[in-house]
Amino acid sequence: MRGTSQASHDAVMREFQPVLKAAGKDGFDIAGQLFSAVDALDSSGSLRRALTDPARPGADKGALVRSLFSRLDSRVQDVLASFARARWSSENDLSESIEDAGVEALLAYAESKGSLASVEEELFRMERLLSGERELLVAMSNRSATKEARLQLLSGVFGGKLSAETEALVQRAVGVPRGRRLVPALEAFIASAASRQNRSVANVTAAVDLSAAQRKRLAGILSDAYGIEVQINVAVDPEVIGGIRVQVGSEVVDGTVLSRLDQARRRLVG
């Protein structure tokens, strides 16, 4: 999402954050209603076009949303109308932005309960498990399987092991992927959870686990570099041989022996 769409997304989300903060326990239901609105948009190309038509007055689009979704919570209607009144570069960007609002509603709900850090940790453990269990990841991401079959697999593996808000997030990613791959979707949830706690996330891959002192030192170095508290999430992968790979957002610093060997190999071949 870029340009006009990104500006619209960010502006509406800024307006929505105080609403979510005040919503408390209602955040869970608000998230579900926002996801239902996304599903309605995804199922109707004519509706998406009507709500993203730049020639149609914003007030008309807002009124259309309120008419179509009149049974939803007034706070949900308000944010949907705000999204509809905004301008979008692509009709799919509207749906994606409402999806993001649903995710933020679930995270705000967890924050109101004091469980946001636990949700982040559960998401990280799940992301690490799926990254290491390719067969499970492929099965859970299988688009040829029905939504019900994928969710049944999810329940069979993780049922009763996740908090309600984590389960709702993962069910959304597995059941309604909307073109997203599962592991990147989980990584995006983790980053959003960290952002709500005024932190960034560094995903670290190393040949062996880092000690508490090493984690603290690395976190301090990264926090100084980025000007924000950085949470260290470590994944152990013996194949990297030595060194570490650090990813913060889209930035990657790869100092593993495997990476250096691969670079040397490519130089020789080239």
C-alpha atoms as a PDB file:
ATOM      1  CA  MET A   1       0.000   0.000   0.000  1.00  0.00           C
ATOM      2  CA  ARG A   2       1.510   3.309  -1.058  1.00  0.00           C
ATOM      3  CA  GLY A   3       0.822   6.954  -1.735  1.00  0.00           C
ATOM      4  CA  THR A   4      -2.778   8.044  -1.391  1.00  0.00           C
ATOM      5  CA  SER A   5      -3.940   4.748   0.081  1.00  0.00           C
ATOM      6  CA  GLN A   6      -1.248   4.709   2.753  1.00  0.00           C
ATOM      7  CA  ALA A   7      -2.055   8.284   3.751  1.00  0.00           C
ATOM      8  CA  SER A   8      -5.769   7.440   4.004  1.00  0.00           C
ATOM      9  CA  HIS A   9      -5.046   4.275   5.990  1.00  0.00           C
ATOM     10  CA  ASP A  10      -2.819   6.097   8.472  1.00  0.00           C
ATOM     11  CA  ALA A  11      -5.174   9.055   8.938  1.00  0.00           C
ATOM     12  CA  VAL A  12      -8.219   6.909   9.726  1.00  0.00           C
ATOM     13  CA  MET A  13      -6.234   4.597  11.996  1.00  0.00           C
ATOM     14  CA  ARG A  14      -4.994   7.576  14.008  1.00  0.00           C
ATOM     15  CA  GLU A  15      -8.592   8.686  14.527  1.00  0.00           C
ATOM     16  CA  PHE A  16      -9.622   5.146  15.470  1.00  0.00           C
ATOM     17  CA  GLN A  17      -6.982   4.537  18.143  1.00  0.00           C
ATOM     18  CA  PRO A  18      -8.665   6.633  20.901  1.00  0.00           C
ATOM     19  CA  VAL A  19     -11.935   4.807  20.166  1.00  0.00           C
ATOM     20  CA  LEU A  20     -10.226   1.454  20.643  1.00  0.00           C
ATOM     21  CA  LYS A  21      -8.534   2.597  23.820  1.00  0.00           C
ATOM     22  CA  ALA A  22     -11.902   3.578  25.285  1.00  0.00           C
ATOM     23  CA  ALA A  23     -13.643   0.427  24.008  1.00  0.00           C
ATOM     24  CA  GLY A  24     -12.019  -1.918  26.530  1.00  0.00           C
ATOM     25  CA  LYS A  25     -13.659  -5.338  26.484  1.00  0.00           C
ATOM     26  CA  ASP A  26     -15.824  -4.308  23.519  1.00  0.00           C
ATOM     27  CA  GLY A  27     -12.713  -4.436  21.344  1.00  0.00           C
ATOM     28  CA  PHE A  28     -13.149  -8.158  20.720  1.00  0.00           C
ATOM     29  CA  ASP A  29     -16.652  -7.699  19.274  1.00  0.00           C
ATOM     30  CA  ILE A  30     -15.578  -4.626  17.321  1.00  0.00           C
ATOM     31  CA  ALA A  31     -12.836  -6.690  15.684  1.00  0.00           C
ATOM     32  CA  GLY A  32     -15.289  -9.409  14.667  1.00  0.00           C
ATOM     33  CA  GLN A  33     -17.640  -6.855  13.121  1.00  0.00           C
ATOM     34  CA  LEU A  34     -14.820  -5.207  11.193  1.00  0.00           C
ATOM     35  CA  PHE A  35     -13.749  -8.595   9.839  1.00  0.00           C
ATOM     36  CA  SER A  36     -17.343  -9.290   8.771  1.00  0.00           C
ATOM     37  CA  ALA A  37     -17.321  -5.984   6.858  1.00  0.00           C
ATOM     38  CA  VAL A  38     -14.108  -7.029   5.106  1.00  0.00           C
ATOM     39  CA  ASP A  39     -15.688 -10.329   4.122  1.00  0.00           C
ATOM     40  CA  ALA A  40     -18.675  -8.462   2.677  1.00  0.00           C
ATOM     41  CA  LEU A  41     -16.368  -6.241   0.639  1.00  0.00           C
ATOM     42  CA  ASP A  42     -14.302  -9.187  -0.562  1.00  0.00           C
ATOM     43  CA  SER A  43     -17.445 -10.907  -1.806  1.00  0.00           C
ATOM     44  CA  SER A  44     -18.733  -7.921  -3.783  1.00  0.00           C
ATOM     45  CA  GLY A  45     -16.683  -6.214  -6.450  1.00  0.00           C
ATOM     46  CA  SER A  46     -19.497  -3.764  -7.143  1.00  0.00           C
ATOM     47  CA  LEU A  47     -19.524  -2.663  -3.503  1.00  0.00           C
ATOM     48  CA  ARG A  48     -15.746  -2.183  -3.451  1.00  0.00           C
ATOM     49  CA  ARG A  49     -15.938  -0.107  -6.618  1.00  0.00           C
ATOM     50  CA  ALA A  50     -18.792   1.992  -5.237  1.00  0.00           C
ATOM     51  CA  LEU A  51     -16.888   2.768  -2.043  1.00  0.00           C
ATOM     52  CA  THR A  52     -13.587   3.581  -3.773  1.00  0.00           C
ATOM     53  CA  ASP A  53     -14.966   5.524  -6.763  1.00  0.00           C
ATOM     54  CA  PRO A  54     -13.034   8.835  -6.715  1.00  0.00           C
ATOM     55  CA  ALA A  55     -15.860  10.554  -8.620  1.00  0.00           C
ATOM     56  CA  ARG A  56     -18.427   9.733  -5.946  1.00  0.00           C
ATOM     57  CA  PRO A  57     -18.733  12.247  -3.082  1.00  0.00           C
ATOM     58  CA  GLY A  58     -17.315  11.044   0.210  1.00  0.00           C
ATOM     59  CA  ALA A  59     -20.546  11.877   2.030  1.00  0.00           C
ATOM     60  CA  ASP A  60     -22.482   9.571  -0.309  1.00  0.00           C
ATOM     61  CA  LYS A  61     -20.040   6.722   0.302  1.00  0.00           C
ATOM     62  CA  GLY A  62     -20.233   7.237   4.042  1.00  0.00           C
ATOM     63  CA  ALA A  63     -24.037   7.168   3.899  1.00  0.00           C
ATOM     64  CA  LEU A  64     -23.940   3.972   1.826  1.00  0.00           C
ATOM     65  CA  VAL A  65     -21.757   2.273   4.440  1.00  0.00           C
ATOM     66  CA  ARG A  66     -24.097   3.263   7.258  1.00  0.00           C
ATOM     67  CA  SER A  67     -27.077   1.961   5.286  1.00  0.00           C
ATOM     68  CA  LEU A  68     -25.470  -1.378   4.449  1.00  0.00           C
ATOM     69  CA  PHE A  69     -23.972  -1.967   7.889  1.00  0.00           C
ATOM     70  CA  SER A  70     -26.694  -0.397  10.013  1.00  0.00           C
ATOM     71  CA  ARG A  71     -26.829  -3.403  12.359  1.00  0.00           C
ATOM     72  CA  LEU A  72     -23.200  -3.047  13.392  1.00  0.00           C
ATOM     73  CA  ASP A  73     -21.929  -1.206  16.449  1.00  0.00           C
ATOM     74  CA  SER A  74     -22.021   2.569  15.941  1.00  0.00           C
ATOM     75  CA  ARG A  75     -18.251   2.745  16.501  1.00  0.00           C
ATOM     76  CA  VAL A  76     -17.744   0.253  13.697  1.00  0.00           C
ATOM     77  CA  GLN A  77     -20.075   2.210  11.423  1.00  0.00           C
ATOM     78  CA  ASP A  78     -18.129   5.382  12.187  1.00  0.00           C
ATOM     79  CA  VAL A  79     -14.742   3.960  11.232  1.00  0.00           C
ATOM     80  CA  LEU A  80     -16.159   2.225   8.143  1.00  0.00           C
ATOM     81  CA  ALA A  81     -17.650   5.534   7.037  1.00  0.00           C
ATOM     82  CA  SER A  82     -14.308   7.250   7.611  1.00  0.00           C
ATOM     83  CA  PHE A  83     -12.543   4.655   5.491  1.00  0.00           C
ATOM     84  CA  ALA A  84     -15.196   4.983   2.768  1.00  0.00           C
ATOM     85  CA  ARG A  85     -14.902   8.777   2.643  1.00  0.00           C
ATOM     86  CA  ALA A  86     -11.124   8.550   2.166  1.00  0.00           C
ATOM     87  CA  ARG A  87      -9.401   8.220  -1.201  1.00  0.00           C
ATOM     88  CA  TRP A  88      -7.815   4.961  -2.363  1.00  0.00           C
ATOM     89  CA  SER A  89      -5.340   4.070  -5.099  1.00  0.00           C
ATOM     90  CA  SER A  90      -6.770   0.553  -5.314  1.00  0.00           C
ATOM     91  CA  GLU A  91     -10.116  -0.867  -4.247  1.00  0.00           C
ATOM     92  CA  ASN A  92      -8.322  -3.686  -2.430  1.00  0.00           C
ATOM     93  CA  ASP A  93      -6.533  -1.139  -0.236  1.00  0.00           C
ATOM     94  CA  LEU A  94      -9.848  -0.254   1.396  1.00  0.00           C
ATOM     95  CA  SER A  95     -10.461  -3.873   2.437  1.00  0.00           C
ATOM     96  CA  GLU A  96      -6.882  -4.267   3.619  1.00  0.00           C
ATOM     97  CA  SER A  97      -7.155  -1.150   5.772  1.00  0.00           C
ATOM     98  CA  ILE A  98     -10.368  -2.352   7.425  1.00  0.00           C
ATOM     99  CA  GLU A  99      -8.662  -5.699   8.051  1.00  0.00           C
ATOM    100  CA  ASP A 100      -5.829  -3.840   9.777  1.00  0.00           C
ATOM    101  CA  ALA A 101      -8.382  -2.004  11.914  1.00  0.00           C
ATOM    102  CA  GLY A 102      -9.805  -5.362  13.009  1.00  0.00           C
ATOM    103  CA  VAL A 103      -6.349  -6.578  13.997  1.00  0.00           C
ATOM    104  CA  GLU A 104      -5.739  -3.383  15.957  1.00  0.00           C
ATOM    105  CA  ALA A 105      -9.076  -3.849  17.735  1.00  0.00           C
ATOM    106  CA  LEU A 106      -8.022  -7.313  18.932  1.00  0.00           C
ATOM    107  CA  LEU A 107      -4.642  -6.031  20.086  1.00  0.00           C
ATOM    108  CA  ALA A 108      -6.284  -3.106  21.883  1.00  0.00           C
ATOM    109  CA  TYR A 109      -8.586  -5.591  23.597  1.00  0.00           C
ATOM    110  CA  ALA A 110      -5.540  -7.580  24.750  1.00  0.00           C
ATOM    111  CA  GLU A 111      -3.918  -4.349  25.919  1.00  0.00           C
ATOM    112  CA  SER A 112      -6.993  -3.471  27.984  1.00  0.00           C
ATOM    113  CA  LYS A 113      -6.695  -6.873  29.698  1.00  0.00           C
ATOM    114  CA  GLY A 114      -2.990  -6.475  30.348  1.00  0.00           C
ATOM    115  CA  SER A 115      -2.240  -9.492  28.166  1.00  0.00           C
ATOM    116  CA  LEU A 116      -0.694  -7.844  25.095  1.00  0.00           C
ATOM    117  CA  ALA A 117       2.841  -9.019  25.903  1.00  0.00           C
ATOM    118  CA  SER A 118       1.545 -12.585  26.328  1.00  0.00           C
ATOM    119  CA  VAL A 119      -0.239 -12.405  22.967  1.00  0.00           C
ATOM    120  CA  GLU A 120       2.970 -11.232  21.320  1.00  0.00           C
ATOM    121  CA  GLU A 121       4.882 -14.129  22.870  1.00  0.00           C
ATOM    122  CA  GLU A 122       2.247 -16.670  21.775  1.00  0.00           C
ATOM    123  CA  LEU A 123       2.363 -15.343  18.218  1.00  0.00           C
ATOM    124  CA  PHE A 124       6.157 -15.531  18.183  1.00  0.00           C
ATOM    125  CA  ARG A 125       6.194 -19.123  19.448  1.00  0.00           C
ATOM    126  CA  MET A 126       3.646 -20.097  16.824  1.00  0.00           C
ATOM    127  CA  GLU A 127       5.575 -18.346  14.052  1.00  0.00           C
ATOM    128  CA  ARG A 128       8.765 -20.170  15.092  1.00  0.00           C
ATOM    129  CA  LEU A 129       6.980 -23.532  15.227  1.00  0.00           C
ATOM    130  CA  LEU A 130       5.446 -23.128  11.783  1.00  0.00           C
ATOM    131  CA  SER A 131       8.725 -21.890  10.303  1.00  0.00           C
ATOM    132  CA  GLY A 132      10.383 -25.093  11.514  1.00  0.00           C
ATOM    133  CA  GLU A 133       7.556 -27.486  10.626  1.00  0.00           C
ATOM    134  CA  ARG A 134       7.168 -27.106   6.881  1.00  0.00           C
ATOM    135  CA  GLU A 135       4.583 -29.871   6.432  1.00  0.00           C
ATOM    136  CA  LEU A 136       2.328 -28.309   9.048  1.00  0.00           C
ATOM    137  CA  LEU A 137       2.789 -24.859   7.526  1.00  0.00           C
ATOM    138  CA  VAL A 138       1.938 -26.124   4.041  1.00  0.00           C
ATOM    139  CA  ALA A 139      -1.151 -27.942   5.316  1.00  0.00           C
ATOM    140  CA  MET A 140      -2.369 -24.950   7.278  1.00  0.00           C
ATOM    141  CA  SER A 141      -1.772 -22.662   4.277  1.00  0.00           C
ATOM    142  CA  ASN A 142      -3.320 -24.985   1.690  1.00  0.00           C
ATOM    143  CA  ARG A 143      -5.696 -22.807  -0.346  1.00  0.00           C
ATOM    144  CA  SER A 144      -7.172 -25.854  -2.099  1.00  0.00           C
ATOM    145  CA  ALA A 145      -8.477 -27.070   1.253  1.00  0.00           C
ATOM    146  CA  THR A 146     -11.661 -25.561   2.637  1.00  0.00           C
ATOM    147  CA  LYS A 147     -11.607 -22.858   5.271  1.00  0.00           C
ATOM    148  CA  GLU A 148     -13.246 -25.294   7.669  1.00  0.00           C
ATOM    149  CA  ALA A 149     -10.549 -27.919   7.073  1.00  0.00           C
ATOM    150  CA  ARG A 150      -7.735 -25.444   7.714  1.00  0.00           C
ATOM    151  CA  LEU A 151      -9.386 -24.185  10.891  1.00  0.00           C
ATOM    152  CA  GLN A 152      -9.990 -27.740  12.070  1.00  0.00           C
ATOM    153  CA  LEU A 153      -6.277 -28.460  11.628  1.00  0.00           C
ATOM    154  CA  LEU A 154      -5.446 -25.284  13.547  1.00  0.00           C
ATOM    155  CA  SER A 155      -7.741 -26.336  16.366  1.00  0.00           C
ATOM    156  CA  GLY A 156      -6.283 -29.827  16.450  1.00  0.00           C
ATOM    157  CA  VAL A 157      -2.738 -28.507  16.846  1.00  0.00           C
ATOM    158  CA  PHE A 158      -3.249 -25.392  18.972  1.00  0.00           C
ATOM    159  CA  GLY A 159      -6.717 -25.842  20.481  1.00  0.00           C
ATOM    160  CA  GLY A 160      -6.798 -24.781  24.126  1.00  0.00           C
ATOM    161  CA  LYS A 161      -3.183 -23.567  24.012  1.00  0.00           C
ATOM    162  CA  LEU A 162      -3.787 -19.963  22.936  1.00  0.00           C
ATOM    163  CA  SER A 163      -5.510 -16.995  24.511  1.00  0.00           C
ATOM    164  CA  ALA A 164      -8.823 -15.938  22.971  1.00  0.00           C
ATOM    165  CA  GLU A 165      -7.324 -12.899  21.262  1.00  0.00           C
ATOM    166  CA  THR A 166      -4.334 -14.804  19.852  1.00  0.00           C
ATOM    167  CA  GLU A 167      -6.639 -17.549  18.625  1.00  0.00           C
ATOM    168  CA  ALA A 168      -8.881 -14.984  16.917  1.00  0.00           C
ATOM    169  CA  LEU A 169      -5.907 -13.419  15.139  1.00  0.00           C
ATOM    170  CA  VAL A 170      -4.539 -16.752  13.964  1.00  0.00           C
ATOM    171  CA  GLN A 171      -7.957 -18.019  12.912  1.00  0.00           C
ATOM    172  CA  ARG A 172      -8.282 -14.941  10.736  1.00  0.00           C
ATOM    173  CA  ALA A 173      -4.876 -15.492   9.121  1.00  0.00           C
ATOM    174  CA  VAL A 174      -5.550 -19.197   8.511  1.00  0.00           C
ATOM    175  CA  GLY A 175      -9.243 -19.047   7.637  1.00  0.00           C
ATOM    176  CA  VAL A 176      -9.301 -15.850   5.571  1.00  0.00           C
ATOM    177  CA  PRO A 177      -5.734 -15.316   4.302  1.00  0.00           C
ATOM    178  CA  ARG A 178      -6.753 -12.729   1.676  1.00  0.00           C
ATOM    179  CA  GLY A 179      -3.607 -13.398  -0.349  1.00  0.00           C
ATOM    180  CA  ARG A 180      -1.295 -13.230   2.660  1.00  0.00           C
ATOM    181  CA  ARG A 181       1.186 -15.987   3.471  1.00  0.00           C
ATOM    182  CA  LEU A 182       0.773 -17.315   6.994  1.00  0.00           C
ATOM    183  CA  VAL A 183       4.229 -16.697   8.478  1.00  0.00           C
ATOM    184  CA  PRO A 184       4.472 -13.083   7.194  1.00  0.00           C
ATOM    185  CA  ALA A 185       0.949 -12.499   8.537  1.00  0.00           C
ATOM    186  CA  LEU A 186       2.031 -13.686  11.986  1.00  0.00           C
ATOM    187  CA  GLU A 187       5.149 -11.516  11.771  1.00  0.00           C
ATOM    188  CA  ALA A 188       2.957  -8.513  10.977  1.00  0.00           C
ATOM    189  CA  PHE A 189       0.774  -9.259  14.025  1.00  0.00           C
ATOM    190  CA  ILE A 190       3.903  -9.443  16.189  1.00  0.00           C
ATOM    191  CA  ALA A 191       5.186  -6.123  14.860  1.00  0.00           C
ATOM    192  CA  SER A 192       1.799  -4.478  15.511  1.00  0.00           C
ATOM    193  CA  ALA A 193       1.722  -5.836  19.062  1.00  0.00           C
ATOM    194  CA  ALA A 194       5.216  -4.487  19.695  1.00  0.00           C
ATOM    195  CA  SER A 195       4.305  -1.116  18.208  1.00  0.00           C
ATOM    196  CA  ARG A 196       1.364  -0.783  20.617  1.00  0.00           C
ATOM    197  CA  GLN A 197       3.904  -1.181  23.423  1.00  0.00           C
ATOM    198  CA  ASN A 198       6.172   1.473  21.869  1.00  0.00           C
ATOM    199  CA  ARG A 199       8.679  -1.170  20.894  1.00  0.00           C
ATOM    200  CA  SER A 200      10.118  -2.587  17.723  1.00  0.00           C
ATOM    201  CA  VAL A 201      10.927  -6.253  17.122  1.00  0.00           C
ATOM    202  CA  ALA A 202      14.257  -7.693  16.071  1.00  0.00           C
ATOM    203  CA  ASN A 203      14.044 -11.235  14.742  1.00  0.00           C
ATOM    204  CA  VAL A 204      17.414 -12.847  15.376  1.00  0.00           C
ATOM    205  CA  THR A 205      18.584 -16.130  13.868  1.00  0.00           C
ATOM    206  CA  ALA A 206      21.653 -17.750  15.380  1.00  0.00           C
ATOM    207  CA  ALA A 207      23.374 -21.131  15.386  1.00  0.00           C
ATOM    208  CA  VAL A 208      22.906 -21.397  19.158  1.00  0.00           C
ATOM    209  CA  ASP A 209      20.620 -19.637  21.593  1.00  0.00           C
ATOM    210  CA  LEU A 210      21.805 -16.314  22.974  1.00  0.00           C
ATOM    211  CA  SER A 211      22.399 -15.921  26.687  1.00  0.00           C
ATOM    212  CA  ALA A 212      20.410 -13.380  28.700  1.00  0.00           C
ATOM    213  CA  ALA A 213      23.478 -11.100  28.761  1.00  0.00           C
ATOM    214  CA  GLN A 214      23.909 -11.366  24.982  1.00  0.00           C
ATOM    215  CA  ARG A 215      20.229 -10.609  24.388  1.00  0.00           C
ATOM    216  CA  LYS A 216      20.414  -7.579  26.667  1.00  0.00           C
ATOM    217  CA  ARG A 217      23.542  -6.260  24.971  1.00  0.00           C
ATOM    218  CA  LEU A 218      22.114  -6.752  21.474  1.00  0.00           C
ATOM    219  CA  ALA A 219      18.829  -5.119  22.500  1.00  0.00           C
ATOM    220  CA  GLY A 220      20.761  -2.139  23.838  1.00  0.00           C
ATOM    221  CA  ILE A 221      22.773  -1.778  20.631  1.00  0.00           C
ATOM    222  CA  LEU A 222      19.648  -1.948  18.456  1.00  0.00           C
ATOM    223  CA  SER A 223      17.658   0.371  20.728  1.00  0.00           C
ATOM    224  CA  ASP A 224      20.425   2.991  20.464  1.00  0.00           C
ATOM    225  CA  ALA A 225      20.540   2.558  16.697  1.00  0.00           C
ATOM    226  CA  TYR A 226      16.773   2.853  16.130  1.00  0.00           C
ATOM    227  CA  GLY A 227      15.904   5.249  18.945  1.00  0.00           C
ATOM    228  CA  ILE A 228      13.186   2.975  20.322  1.00  0.00           C
ATOM    229  CA  GLU A 229      13.076  -0.003  22.663  1.00  0.00           C
ATOM    230  CA  VAL A 230      13.741  -3.199  20.706  1.00  0.00           C
ATOM    231  CA  GLN A 231      12.412  -6.627  21.673  1.00  0.00           C
ATOM    232  CA  ILE A 232      14.738  -9.502  20.766  1.00  0.00           C
ATOM    233  CA  ASN A 233      13.118 -12.668  19.429  1.00  0.00           C
ATOM    234  CA  VAL A 234      15.668 -15.424  18.862  1.00  0.00           C
ATOM    235  CA  ALA A 235      15.313 -18.428  16.581  1.00  0.00           C
ATOM    236  CA  VAL A 236      17.967 -21.157  16.664  1.00  0.00           C
ATOM    237  CA  ASP A 237      19.009 -22.591  13.305  1.00  0.00           C
ATOM    238  CA  PRO A 238      22.135 -24.817  13.320  1.00  0.00           C
ATOM    239  CA  GLU A 239      22.417 -24.460   9.541  1.00  0.00           C
ATOM    240  CA  VAL A 240      23.680 -20.883   9.837  1.00  0.00           C
ATOM    241  CA  ILE A 241      26.910 -22.383  11.292  1.00  0.00           C
ATOM    242  CA  GLY A 242      27.950 -19.236  13.205  1.00  0.00           C
ATOM    243  CA  GLY A 243      27.228 -15.556  13.627  1.00  0.00           C
ATOM    244  CA  ILE A 244      23.769 -14.041  13.700  1.00  0.00           C
ATOM    245  CA  ARG A 245      21.152 -12.663  11.327  1.00  0.00           C
ATOM    246  CA  VAL A 246      19.150  -9.688  12.598  1.00  0.00           C
ATOM    247  CA  GLN A 247      15.992  -8.367  10.952  1.00  0.00           C
ATOM    248  CA  VAL A 248      14.248  -5.207  12.171  1.00  0.00           C
ATOM    249  CA  GLY A 249      11.269  -4.436   9.976  1.00  0.00           C
ATOM    250  CA  SER A 250      12.469  -4.585   6.372  1.00  0.00           C
ATOM    251  CA  GLU A 251      16.144  -4.094   7.312  1.00  0.00           C
ATOM    252  CA  VAL A 252      18.354  -7.172   7.508  1.00  0.00           C
ATOM    253  CA  VAL A 253      21.898  -7.473   8.831  1.00  0.00           C
ATOM    254  CA  ASP A 254      23.230 -10.905   8.003  1.00  0.00           C
ATOM    255  CA  GLY A 255      26.512 -11.822   9.663  1.00  0.00           C
ATOM    256  CA  THR A 256      26.172 -15.598   9.544  1.00  0.00           C
ATOM    257  CA  VAL A 257      28.950 -17.812   8.252  1.00  0.00           C
ATOM    258  CA  LEU A 258      26.455 -19.425   5.882  1.00  0.00           C
ATOM    259  CA  SER A 259      25.670 -16.041   4.348  1.00  0.00           C
ATOM    260  CA  ARG A 260      29.359 -15.195   3.901  1.00  0.00           C
ATOM    261  CA  LEU A 261      30.021 -18.593   2.315  1.00  0.00           C
ATOM    262  CA  ASP A 262      27.096 -18.107  -0.037  1.00  0.00           C
ATOM    263  CA  GLN A 263      28.364 -14.649  -1.012  1.00  0.00           C
ATOM    264  CA  ALA A 264      31.817 -16.067  -1.676  1.00  0.00           C
ATOM    265  CA  ARG A 265      30.323 -18.872  -3.776  1.00  0.00           C
ATOM    266  CA  ARG A 266      28.332 -16.389  -5.878  1.00  0.00           C
ATOM    267  CA  ARG A 267      31.429 -14.249  -6.453  1.00  0.00           C
ATOM    268  CA  LEU A 268      33.368 -17.289  -7.613  1.00  0.00           C
ATOM    269  CA  VAL A 269      30.578 -18.434  -9.923  1.00  0.00           C
ATOM    270  CA  GLY A 270      30.065 -14.900 -11.228  1.00  0.00           C
END
